[in-house]
């Protein structure tokens, strides 16, 4: 329990910075909705005259900008992307920090198992990701209610988008944890983490833009929680959710297994 609170303290500043930036960004973009809705016809016409590949890549196909949830579905992928970057960096830094800053010997000298170390760090990461999503969801809900005007929307679809965003974040956090068992230097982990998240994001765009690359959507969690599809179906795809949960479980078990057998050098 002491280690859990220690991890919360160590990562508090990073959490606060990312939460403030992501929340303000999302709310400020939602504040643009009233002016966008007034000119919805012009935006619709603009989309019709734009290349289909570009529109698909932006996730703006068949969207009605006079509807607040459609507009939300257009802007939220960017928030999901940066939240995923935060989640991956958070997960990657939890285990690697001890070795990178050479505090691992002191930690292992205490009456704590390696499994206990991993569990405490996982718990701290989970708490911060849950808090981030609670704050974001509440802020987005308040902003939508404040700026929606006469537009109506499905609260269920809105909440499903929020749940999908959390699942994406936890997916990348679990990858970060697993990678940090093998790569401990922050100078190496940061570019790797950014590369993984941005790489899968661009794969997501490519799978939509090109019919030949459509099958790539199965290797990127960003397509699993496509906001437009969630609004259309008013829910998450059960198969995609199962894939993410299964992948998270594999990464988690792999992290525990690899950390138990790792030759840790102080």
C-alpha atoms as a PDB file:
ATOM      1  CA  UNK A   1       0.000   0.000   0.000  1.00  0.00           C
ATOM      2  CA  UNK A   2       2.888   2.352   0.779  1.00  0.00           C
ATOM      3  CA  UNK A   3       4.341   1.727  -2.665  1.00  0.00           C
ATOM      4  CA  UNK A   4       0.968   2.433  -4.270  1.00  0.00           C
ATOM      5  CA  UNK A   5       0.750   5.875  -2.607  1.00  0.00           C
ATOM      6  CA  UNK A   6       4.390   6.491  -3.521  1.00  0.00           C
ATOM      7  CA  UNK A   7       3.580   5.885  -7.186  1.00  0.00           C
ATOM      8  CA  UNK A   8       0.609   8.214  -7.010  1.00  0.00           C
ATOM      9  CA  UNK A   9       2.810  10.940  -5.563  1.00  0.00           C
ATOM     10  CA  UNK A  10       5.559  10.448  -8.145  1.00  0.00           C
ATOM     11  CA  UNK A  11       3.177  10.648 -11.102  1.00  0.00           C
ATOM     12  CA  UNK A  12       0.802  13.332  -9.790  1.00  0.00           C
ATOM     13  CA  UNK A  13       2.375  16.280 -11.605  1.00  0.00           C
ATOM     14  CA  UNK A  14       2.389  14.481 -14.957  1.00  0.00           C
ATOM     15  CA  UNK A  15      -1.250  13.482 -14.444  1.00  0.00           C
ATOM     16  CA  UNK A  16      -2.351  17.025 -13.602  1.00  0.00           C
ATOM     17  CA  UNK A  17      -0.586  18.538 -16.605  1.00  0.00           C
ATOM     18  CA  UNK A  18      -2.035  16.054 -19.092  1.00  0.00           C
ATOM     19  CA  UNK A  19      -5.515  16.238 -17.557  1.00  0.00           C
ATOM     20  CA  UNK A  20      -5.642  20.040 -17.700  1.00  0.00           C
ATOM     21  CA  UNK A  21      -4.337  20.173 -21.280  1.00  0.00           C
ATOM     22  CA  UNK A  22      -6.637  17.435 -22.612  1.00  0.00           C
ATOM     23  CA  UNK A  23      -9.708  18.763 -20.805  1.00  0.00           C
ATOM     24  CA  UNK A  24      -9.205  22.363 -21.885  1.00  0.00           C
ATOM     25  CA  UNK A  25      -8.507  21.301 -25.465  1.00  0.00           C
ATOM     26  CA  UNK A  26     -11.670  19.228 -25.658  1.00  0.00           C
ATOM     27  CA  UNK A  27     -13.896  21.869 -24.059  1.00  0.00           C
ATOM     28  CA  UNK A  28     -12.504  24.676 -26.214  1.00  0.00           C
ATOM     29  CA  UNK A  29     -13.134  22.667 -29.383  1.00  0.00           C
ATOM     30  CA  UNK A  30     -16.693  21.906 -28.247  1.00  0.00           C
ATOM     31  CA  UNK A  31     -17.190  25.634 -27.662  1.00  0.00           C
ATOM     32  CA  UNK A  32     -16.833  26.055 -31.420  1.00  0.00           C
ATOM     33  CA  UNK A  33     -19.975  24.002 -32.073  1.00  0.00           C
ATOM     34  CA  UNK A  34     -22.555  26.853 -32.048  1.00  0.00           C
ATOM     35  CA  UNK A  35     -20.723  28.745 -34.792  1.00  0.00           C
ATOM     36  CA  UNK A  36     -20.115  25.520 -36.739  1.00  0.00           C
ATOM     37  CA  UNK A  37     -23.793  24.516 -36.459  1.00  0.00           C
ATOM     38  CA  UNK A  38     -24.903  27.880 -37.874  1.00  0.00           C
ATOM     39  CA  UNK A  39     -22.903  27.157 -41.030  1.00  0.00           C
ATOM     40  CA  UNK A  40     -23.519  23.402 -41.119  1.00  0.00           C
ATOM     41  CA  UNK A  41     -24.795  23.519 -44.714  1.00  0.00           C
ATOM     42  CA  UNK A  42     -21.579  25.135 -45.902  1.00  0.00           C
ATOM     43  CA  UNK A  43     -19.451  22.513 -44.147  1.00  0.00           C
ATOM     44  CA  UNK A  44     -21.580  19.726 -45.607  1.00  0.00           C
ATOM     45  CA  UNK A  45     -21.150  21.174 -49.085  1.00  0.00           C
ATOM     46  CA  UNK A  46     -17.428  21.531 -48.529  1.00  0.00           C
ATOM     47  CA  UNK A  47     -17.207  17.878 -47.540  1.00  0.00           C
ATOM     48  CA  UNK A  48     -19.124  16.802 -50.627  1.00  0.00           C
ATOM     49  CA  UNK A  49     -16.593  18.589 -52.843  1.00  0.00           C
ATOM     50  CA  UNK A  50     -13.560  17.231 -50.981  1.00  0.00           C
ATOM     51  CA  UNK A  51     -11.676  14.035 -51.917  1.00  0.00           C
ATOM     52  CA  UNK A  52     -13.358  10.997 -50.379  1.00  0.00           C
ATOM     53  CA  UNK A  53     -10.036   9.644 -49.145  1.00  0.00           C
ATOM     54  CA  UNK A  54      -9.343  12.835 -47.210  1.00  0.00           C
ATOM     55  CA  UNK A  55     -12.825  12.885 -45.687  1.00  0.00           C
ATOM     56  CA  UNK A  56     -12.568   9.244 -44.651  1.00  0.00           C
ATOM     57  CA  UNK A  57      -9.158   9.840 -43.128  1.00  0.00           C
ATOM     58  CA  UNK A  58     -10.532  12.720 -41.077  1.00  0.00           C
ATOM     59  CA  UNK A  59     -13.446  10.589 -39.941  1.00  0.00           C
ATOM     60  CA  UNK A  60     -15.942  13.112 -41.310  1.00  0.00           C
ATOM     61  CA  UNK A  61     -17.861  10.843 -43.666  1.00  0.00           C
ATOM     62  CA  UNK A  62     -21.672  11.118 -43.380  1.00  0.00           C
ATOM     63  CA  UNK A  63     -21.428  13.538 -40.460  1.00  0.00           C
ATOM     64  CA  UNK A  64     -23.984  16.244 -39.837  1.00  0.00           C
ATOM     65  CA  UNK A  65     -22.258  19.210 -38.227  1.00  0.00           C
ATOM     66  CA  UNK A  66     -25.599  20.561 -37.066  1.00  0.00           C
ATOM     67  CA  UNK A  67     -25.693  17.664 -34.575  1.00  0.00           C
ATOM     68  CA  UNK A  68     -23.576  18.136 -31.480  1.00  0.00           C
ATOM     69  CA  UNK A  69     -22.621  14.476 -31.097  1.00  0.00           C
ATOM     70  CA  UNK A  70     -21.499  14.260 -34.726  1.00  0.00           C
ATOM     71  CA  UNK A  71     -19.279  17.271 -34.116  1.00  0.00           C
ATOM     72  CA  UNK A  72     -18.010  15.650 -30.916  1.00  0.00           C
ATOM     73  CA  UNK A  73     -17.225  12.481 -32.883  1.00  0.00           C
ATOM     74  CA  UNK A  74     -15.179  14.604 -35.282  1.00  0.00           C
ATOM     75  CA  UNK A  75     -12.981  16.232 -32.619  1.00  0.00           C
ATOM     76  CA  UNK A  76     -12.678  13.483 -30.007  1.00  0.00           C
ATOM     77  CA  UNK A  77     -10.279  11.219 -31.996  1.00  0.00           C
ATOM     78  CA  UNK A  78      -7.559  13.818 -31.485  1.00  0.00           C
ATOM     79  CA  UNK A  79      -8.165  13.801 -27.731  1.00  0.00           C
ATOM     80  CA  UNK A  80      -8.148   9.991 -27.753  1.00  0.00           C
ATOM     81  CA  UNK A  81      -4.823  10.057 -29.594  1.00  0.00           C
ATOM     82  CA  UNK A  82      -3.059  12.325 -27.101  1.00  0.00           C
ATOM     83  CA  UNK A  83      -4.650  10.546 -24.142  1.00  0.00           C
ATOM     84  CA  UNK A  84      -3.244   7.301 -25.566  1.00  0.00           C
ATOM     85  CA  UNK A  85       0.206   8.888 -25.727  1.00  0.00           C
ATOM     86  CA  UNK A  86      -0.091   9.866 -22.063  1.00  0.00           C
ATOM     87  CA  UNK A  87      -1.264   6.359 -21.131  1.00  0.00           C
ATOM     88  CA  UNK A  88       1.625   4.702 -22.943  1.00  0.00           C
ATOM     89  CA  UNK A  89       4.202   7.042 -21.402  1.00  0.00           C
ATOM     90  CA  UNK A  90       2.645   6.470 -17.985  1.00  0.00           C
ATOM     91  CA  UNK A  91       2.788   2.692 -18.305  1.00  0.00           C
ATOM     92  CA  UNK A  92       6.272   2.709 -19.798  1.00  0.00           C
ATOM     93  CA  UNK A  93       7.648   4.868 -17.010  1.00  0.00           C
ATOM     94  CA  UNK A  94       6.239   2.953 -14.058  1.00  0.00           C
ATOM     95  CA  UNK A  95       8.684   0.023 -14.005  1.00  0.00           C
ATOM     96  CA  UNK A  96      11.581   1.466 -15.963  1.00  0.00           C
ATOM     97  CA  UNK A  97      12.028   4.489 -13.676  1.00  0.00           C
ATOM     98  CA  UNK A  98      13.321   2.324 -10.829  1.00  0.00           C
ATOM     99  CA  UNK A  99      16.204   0.982 -12.901  1.00  0.00           C
ATOM    100  CA  UNK A 100      16.797   4.152 -14.879  1.00  0.00           C
ATOM    101  CA  UNK A 101      17.179   6.182 -11.684  1.00  0.00           C
ATOM    102  CA  UNK A 102      18.957   3.313  -9.888  1.00  0.00           C
ATOM    103  CA  UNK A 103      16.457   3.042  -7.031  1.00  0.00           C
ATOM    104  CA  UNK A 104      15.627  -0.600  -7.705  1.00  0.00           C
ATOM    105  CA  UNK A 105      18.156  -1.996  -5.182  1.00  0.00           C
ATOM    106  CA  UNK A 106      16.612   0.061  -2.400  1.00  0.00           C
ATOM    107  CA  UNK A 107      13.141  -1.083  -3.424  1.00  0.00           C
ATOM    108  CA  UNK A 108      14.035  -4.778  -3.599  1.00  0.00           C
ATOM    109  CA  UNK A 109      15.707  -4.564  -0.188  1.00  0.00           C
ATOM    110  CA  UNK A 110      12.281  -3.944   1.313  1.00  0.00           C
ATOM    111  CA  UNK A 111       9.914  -6.817   2.244  1.00  0.00           C
ATOM    112  CA  UNK A 112       8.113  -6.719  -1.079  1.00  0.00           C
ATOM    113  CA  UNK A 113       7.903  -9.200  -3.952  1.00  0.00           C
ATOM    114  CA  UNK A 114       8.400  -8.387  -7.595  1.00  0.00           C
ATOM    115  CA  UNK A 115       4.745  -9.188  -8.186  1.00  0.00           C
ATOM    116  CA  UNK A 116       3.876  -6.720  -5.452  1.00  0.00           C
ATOM    117  CA  UNK A 117       5.925  -4.046  -7.199  1.00  0.00           C
ATOM    118  CA  UNK A 118       4.161  -4.622 -10.508  1.00  0.00           C
ATOM    119  CA  UNK A 119       0.730  -4.713  -8.855  1.00  0.00           C
ATOM    120  CA  UNK A 120       1.275  -1.421  -7.019  1.00  0.00           C
ATOM    121  CA  UNK A 121       2.391   0.285 -10.213  1.00  0.00           C
ATOM    122  CA  UNK A 122      -0.489  -1.135 -12.231  1.00  0.00           C
ATOM    123  CA  UNK A 123      -2.934   0.052  -9.568  1.00  0.00           C
ATOM    124  CA  UNK A 124      -1.502   3.581  -9.605  1.00  0.00           C
ATOM    125  CA  UNK A 125      -1.670   3.744 -13.394  1.00  0.00           C
ATOM    126  CA  UNK A 126      -5.255   2.477 -13.355  1.00  0.00           C
ATOM    127  CA  UNK A 127      -6.294   5.096 -10.791  1.00  0.00           C
ATOM    128  CA  UNK A 128      -4.833   7.932 -12.829  1.00  0.00           C
ATOM    129  CA  UNK A 129      -6.368   6.744 -16.105  1.00  0.00           C
ATOM    130  CA  UNK A 130      -9.756   6.341 -14.434  1.00  0.00           C
ATOM    131  CA  UNK A 131      -9.506   9.829 -12.937  1.00  0.00           C
ATOM    132  CA  UNK A 132      -8.463  11.292 -16.284  1.00  0.00           C
ATOM    133  CA  UNK A 133     -11.471   9.757 -18.004  1.00  0.00           C
ATOM    134  CA  UNK A 134     -13.906  10.783 -15.277  1.00  0.00           C
ATOM    135  CA  UNK A 135     -12.729  14.399 -15.526  1.00  0.00           C
ATOM    136  CA  UNK A 136     -12.779  14.365 -19.334  1.00  0.00           C
ATOM    137  CA  UNK A 137     -16.200  12.750 -19.541  1.00  0.00           C
ATOM    138  CA  UNK A 138     -17.757  15.154 -17.039  1.00  0.00           C
ATOM    139  CA  UNK A 139     -16.163  18.180 -18.708  1.00  0.00           C
ATOM    140  CA  UNK A 140     -17.281  17.043 -22.160  1.00  0.00           C
ATOM    141  CA  UNK A 141     -20.803  16.357 -20.929  1.00  0.00           C
ATOM    142  CA  UNK A 142     -21.073  19.802 -19.331  1.00  0.00           C
ATOM    143  CA  UNK A 143     -19.672  21.430 -22.465  1.00  0.00           C
ATOM    144  CA  UNK A 144     -22.058  19.549 -24.750  1.00  0.00           C
ATOM    145  CA  UNK A 145     -25.004  20.541 -22.584  1.00  0.00           C
ATOM    146  CA  UNK A 146     -23.815  24.153 -22.551  1.00  0.00           C
ATOM    147  CA  UNK A 147     -23.195  24.482 -26.296  1.00  0.00           C
ATOM    148  CA  UNK A 148     -25.663  22.030 -27.886  1.00  0.00           C
ATOM    149  CA  UNK A 149     -28.389  24.624 -28.461  1.00  0.00           C
ATOM    150  CA  UNK A 150     -31.426  22.852 -29.951  1.00  0.00           C
ATOM    151  CA  UNK A 151     -29.397  19.811 -30.973  1.00  0.00           C
ATOM    152  CA  UNK A 152     -30.264  16.499 -29.299  1.00  0.00           C
ATOM    153  CA  UNK A 153     -28.001  13.517 -28.815  1.00  0.00           C
ATOM    154  CA  UNK A 154     -27.803   9.990 -27.435  1.00  0.00           C
ATOM    155  CA  UNK A 155     -26.318   9.949 -23.944  1.00  0.00           C
ATOM    156  CA  UNK A 156     -25.657   6.225 -24.338  1.00  0.00           C
ATOM    157  CA  UNK A 157     -23.564   6.799 -27.473  1.00  0.00           C
ATOM    158  CA  UNK A 158     -21.660   9.579 -25.705  1.00  0.00           C
ATOM    159  CA  UNK A 159     -20.831   7.302 -22.765  1.00  0.00           C
ATOM    160  CA  UNK A 160     -19.833   4.461 -25.087  1.00  0.00           C
ATOM    161  CA  UNK A 161     -17.348   6.788 -26.808  1.00  0.00           C
ATOM    162  CA  UNK A 162     -15.913   7.647 -23.381  1.00  0.00           C
ATOM    163  CA  UNK A 163     -15.644   3.947 -22.482  1.00  0.00           C
ATOM    164  CA  UNK A 164     -13.950   3.210 -25.778  1.00  0.00           C
ATOM    165  CA  UNK A 165     -11.408   5.966 -25.148  1.00  0.00           C
ATOM    166  CA  UNK A 166     -10.552   4.426 -21.772  1.00  0.00           C
ATOM    167  CA  UNK A 167     -10.084   0.966 -23.300  1.00  0.00           C
ATOM    168  CA  UNK A 168      -7.705   2.397 -25.898  1.00  0.00           C
ATOM    169  CA  UNK A 169      -5.695   4.132 -23.180  1.00  0.00           C
ATOM    170  CA  UNK A 170      -5.443   1.005 -21.059  1.00  0.00           C
ATOM    171  CA  UNK A 171      -4.417  -0.996 -24.132  1.00  0.00           C
ATOM    172  CA  UNK A 172      -1.460   1.311 -24.721  1.00  0.00           C
ATOM    173  CA  UNK A 173      -0.645   1.493 -21.006  1.00  0.00           C
ATOM    174  CA  UNK A 174      -0.363  -2.307 -20.943  1.00  0.00           C
ATOM    175  CA  UNK A 175       1.987  -2.179 -23.940  1.00  0.00           C
ATOM    176  CA  UNK A 176       4.041   0.436 -22.116  1.00  0.00           C
ATOM    177  CA  UNK A 177       4.303  -1.742 -19.018  1.00  0.00           C
ATOM    178  CA  UNK A 178       5.437  -4.732 -21.068  1.00  0.00           C
ATOM    179  CA  UNK A 179       8.047  -2.753 -23.015  1.00  0.00           C
ATOM    180  CA  UNK A 180       9.437  -1.199 -19.840  1.00  0.00           C
ATOM    181  CA  UNK A 181      10.507  -4.628 -18.609  1.00  0.00           C
ATOM    182  CA  UNK A 182      13.008  -4.817 -21.459  1.00  0.00           C
ATOM    183  CA  UNK A 183      13.812  -1.140 -22.143  1.00  0.00           C
ATOM    184  CA  UNK A 184      14.622   0.891 -19.040  1.00  0.00           C
ATOM    185  CA  UNK A 185      16.201   4.069 -20.383  1.00  0.00           C
ATOM    186  CA  UNK A 186      13.724   6.927 -20.654  1.00  0.00           C
ATOM    187  CA  UNK A 187      15.659   8.323 -23.622  1.00  0.00           C
ATOM    188  CA  UNK A 188      14.832   5.125 -25.488  1.00  0.00           C
ATOM    189  CA  UNK A 189      11.347   4.504 -24.117  1.00  0.00           C
ATOM    190  CA  UNK A 190       9.902   7.899 -25.004  1.00  0.00           C
ATOM    191  CA  UNK A 191      10.521   7.713 -28.785  1.00  0.00           C
ATOM    192  CA  UNK A 192       9.470   4.041 -28.825  1.00  0.00           C
ATOM    193  CA  UNK A 193       6.226   4.889 -27.027  1.00  0.00           C
ATOM    194  CA  UNK A 194       5.475   7.782 -29.364  1.00  0.00           C
ATOM    195  CA  UNK A 195       6.310   5.600 -32.348  1.00  0.00           C
ATOM    196  CA  UNK A 196       3.936   2.840 -31.275  1.00  0.00           C
ATOM    197  CA  UNK A 197       0.986   5.167 -30.627  1.00  0.00           C
ATOM    198  CA  UNK A 198       1.464   7.390 -33.668  1.00  0.00           C
ATOM    199  CA  UNK A 199       2.256   4.387 -35.856  1.00  0.00           C
ATOM    200  CA  UNK A 200      -0.996   2.639 -34.979  1.00  0.00           C
ATOM    201  CA  UNK A 201      -2.888   5.912 -35.413  1.00  0.00           C
ATOM    202  CA  UNK A 202      -1.589   6.365 -38.959  1.00  0.00           C
ATOM    203  CA  UNK A 203      -2.341   2.705 -39.673  1.00  0.00           C
ATOM    204  CA  UNK A 204      -5.897   3.459 -38.560  1.00  0.00           C
ATOM    205  CA  UNK A 205      -6.116   6.313 -41.066  1.00  0.00           C
ATOM    206  CA  UNK A 206      -4.578   4.194 -43.837  1.00  0.00           C
ATOM    207  CA  UNK A 207      -7.076   1.384 -43.243  1.00  0.00           C
ATOM    208  CA  UNK A 208      -9.918   3.831 -43.885  1.00  0.00           C
ATOM    209  CA  UNK A 209      -8.365   5.726 -46.790  1.00  0.00           C
ATOM    210  CA  UNK A 210      -7.306   2.706 -48.853  1.00  0.00           C
ATOM    211  CA  UNK A 211      -9.543  -0.286 -49.571  1.00  0.00           C
ATOM    212  CA  UNK A 212      -6.420  -2.399 -50.103  1.00  0.00           C
ATOM    213  CA  UNK A 213      -5.335  -1.695 -46.517  1.00  0.00           C
ATOM    214  CA  UNK A 214      -8.767  -2.169 -44.943  1.00  0.00           C
ATOM    215  CA  UNK A 215      -7.702  -5.301 -43.051  1.00  0.00           C
ATOM    216  CA  UNK A 216      -5.152  -3.239 -41.135  1.00  0.00           C
ATOM    217  CA  UNK A 217      -8.037  -1.966 -39.008  1.00  0.00           C
ATOM    218  CA  UNK A 218      -7.748  -5.166 -36.989  1.00  0.00           C
ATOM    219  CA  UNK A 219      -4.262  -4.233 -35.733  1.00  0.00           C
ATOM    220  CA  UNK A 220      -5.051  -0.736 -34.490  1.00  0.00           C
ATOM    221  CA  UNK A 221      -7.266  -0.053 -31.449  1.00  0.00           C
ATOM    222  CA  UNK A 222      -8.124   3.388 -32.795  1.00  0.00           C
ATOM    223  CA  UNK A 223     -10.430   1.762 -35.347  1.00  0.00           C
ATOM    224  CA  UNK A 224     -12.019  -0.392 -32.657  1.00  0.00           C
ATOM    225  CA  UNK A 225     -13.529   2.715 -31.082  1.00  0.00           C
ATOM    226  CA  UNK A 226     -14.370   4.754 -34.173  1.00  0.00           C
ATOM    227  CA  UNK A 227     -16.761   7.428 -32.780  1.00  0.00           C
ATOM    228  CA  UNK A 228     -18.863   7.583 -35.955  1.00  0.00           C
ATOM    229  CA  UNK A 229     -19.509   3.838 -35.796  1.00  0.00           C
ATOM    230  CA  UNK A 230     -20.305   4.022 -32.084  1.00  0.00           C
ATOM    231  CA  UNK A 231     -22.896   6.738 -32.729  1.00  0.00           C
ATOM    232  CA  UNK A 232     -24.403   4.747 -35.593  1.00  0.00           C
ATOM    233  CA  UNK A 233     -24.695   1.557 -33.524  1.00  0.00           C
ATOM    234  CA  UNK A 234     -25.143   3.281 -30.151  1.00  0.00           C
ATOM    235  CA  UNK A 235     -22.576   0.935 -28.691  1.00  0.00           C
ATOM    236  CA  UNK A 236     -19.139  -0.623 -28.978  1.00  0.00           C
ATOM    237  CA  UNK A 237     -18.436  -3.598 -31.218  1.00  0.00           C
ATOM    238  CA  UNK A 238     -18.336  -6.651 -28.937  1.00  0.00           C
ATOM    239  CA  UNK A 239     -15.665  -8.366 -31.021  1.00  0.00           C
ATOM    240  CA  UNK A 240     -13.376  -5.336 -30.867  1.00  0.00           C
ATOM    241  CA  UNK A 241     -13.879  -4.993 -27.118  1.00  0.00           C
ATOM    242  CA  UNK A 242     -13.018  -8.676 -26.663  1.00  0.00           C
ATOM    243  CA  UNK A 243      -9.844  -8.252 -28.710  1.00  0.00           C
ATOM    244  CA  UNK A 244      -8.725  -5.277 -26.622  1.00  0.00           C
ATOM    245  CA  UNK A 245      -9.519  -6.970 -23.304  1.00  0.00           C
ATOM    246  CA  UNK A 246      -7.750 -10.134 -24.443  1.00  0.00           C
ATOM    247  CA  UNK A 247      -4.707  -8.164 -25.596  1.00  0.00           C
ATOM    248  CA  UNK A 248      -4.573  -6.245 -22.307  1.00  0.00           C
ATOM    249  CA  UNK A 249      -4.698  -9.551 -20.416  1.00  0.00           C
ATOM    250  CA  UNK A 250      -1.858 -10.994 -22.506  1.00  0.00           C
ATOM    251  CA  UNK A 251       0.310  -7.914 -22.010  1.00  0.00           C
ATOM    252  CA  UNK A 252      -0.403  -7.904 -18.268  1.00  0.00           C
ATOM    253  CA  UNK A 253       0.408 -11.591 -17.777  1.00  0.00           C
ATOM    254  CA  UNK A 254       3.495 -11.142 -19.957  1.00  0.00           C
ATOM    255  CA  UNK A 255       4.666  -8.221 -17.826  1.00  0.00           C
ATOM    256  CA  UNK A 256       4.322 -10.184 -14.574  1.00  0.00           C
ATOM    257  CA  UNK A 257       6.019 -13.235 -16.092  1.00  0.00           C
ATOM    258  CA  UNK A 258       8.929 -11.326 -17.640  1.00  0.00           C
ATOM    259  CA  UNK A 259       9.536  -9.138 -14.578  1.00  0.00           C
ATOM    260  CA  UNK A 260       9.678 -12.187 -12.299  1.00  0.00           C
ATOM    261  CA  UNK A 261      12.417 -13.731 -14.444  1.00  0.00           C
ATOM    262  CA  UNK A 262      14.318 -10.584 -15.316  1.00  0.00           C
ATOM    263  CA  UNK A 263      17.939 -10.185 -14.256  1.00  0.00           C
ATOM    264  CA  UNK A 264      17.621  -6.782 -12.649  1.00  0.00           C
ATOM    265  CA  UNK A 265      20.763  -4.719 -12.451  1.00  0.00           C
ATOM    266  CA  UNK A 266      20.837  -1.914  -9.935  1.00  0.00           C
END
